[in-house]
Amino acid sequence: MASPRIRAARPADAVGGAARSSTAGAQAEPDDAPTLVFVYGTLKQGFPNFARNPGRRVGAYRTQQPYPLYVVQLPNEDRAPWLVDQPGTGHQVVGEVFEVDAASLAAMDAFEEVGLPGGYLRAEIVVETIDAPHSMLRVHAYLKLPAQLAPGVPREGPFAAYTHALALGYRIDLG
């Protein structure tokens, strides 16, 4: 049986290579090249931070591999969804893929505190459409490092989806 085709996170990317990789050390891309971003939490349509996601919705997807998705409570944020960079554990996580331009991606990175202590890592992962599991895309996703989920961090999960019920009480203090 032939292996399924994986489309790249950026239309100009060549298909192949590792199934997931960090954005660290990535080659410069043209500013007008769109990026596919998998959102699984508050940046989804209808969720608290959707206004920070100006992308064009591509569709509903789930991670090809299981990942642990937790809802955590922090001093400056309640009910925050964390997708932990531990592929092979947890559940296939349901979310949405959006196509975003370079400026929107930079704004999303800033909101997710990419590169800052305690922030997210934006990395490539593979997702599959919910209706056609063999139709896959290589996308960017915001992940937390396993060390950030230290003992004593209040959490619930892992979950297969960040639902409206889980988002009840979500709060963030940006200042």
Foldseek 3Di string as FASTA:
>chain_A
DDAFFAAEQWNPDDPDDDQKFFCPPPDDDPQFTWGKEWDFEQCAPPHPCVVLQPFAWPAKKWFLFAWFWKQFDDPFKHRDIATAPDTNDFGGAITTITIGGNVSVVSVCVVQVDPDVVGWTWMWHKIAHPVDRSHIYTHIYTHDYPVSVPPPTDIDDRDRGCDPVSRVPIGGDPD
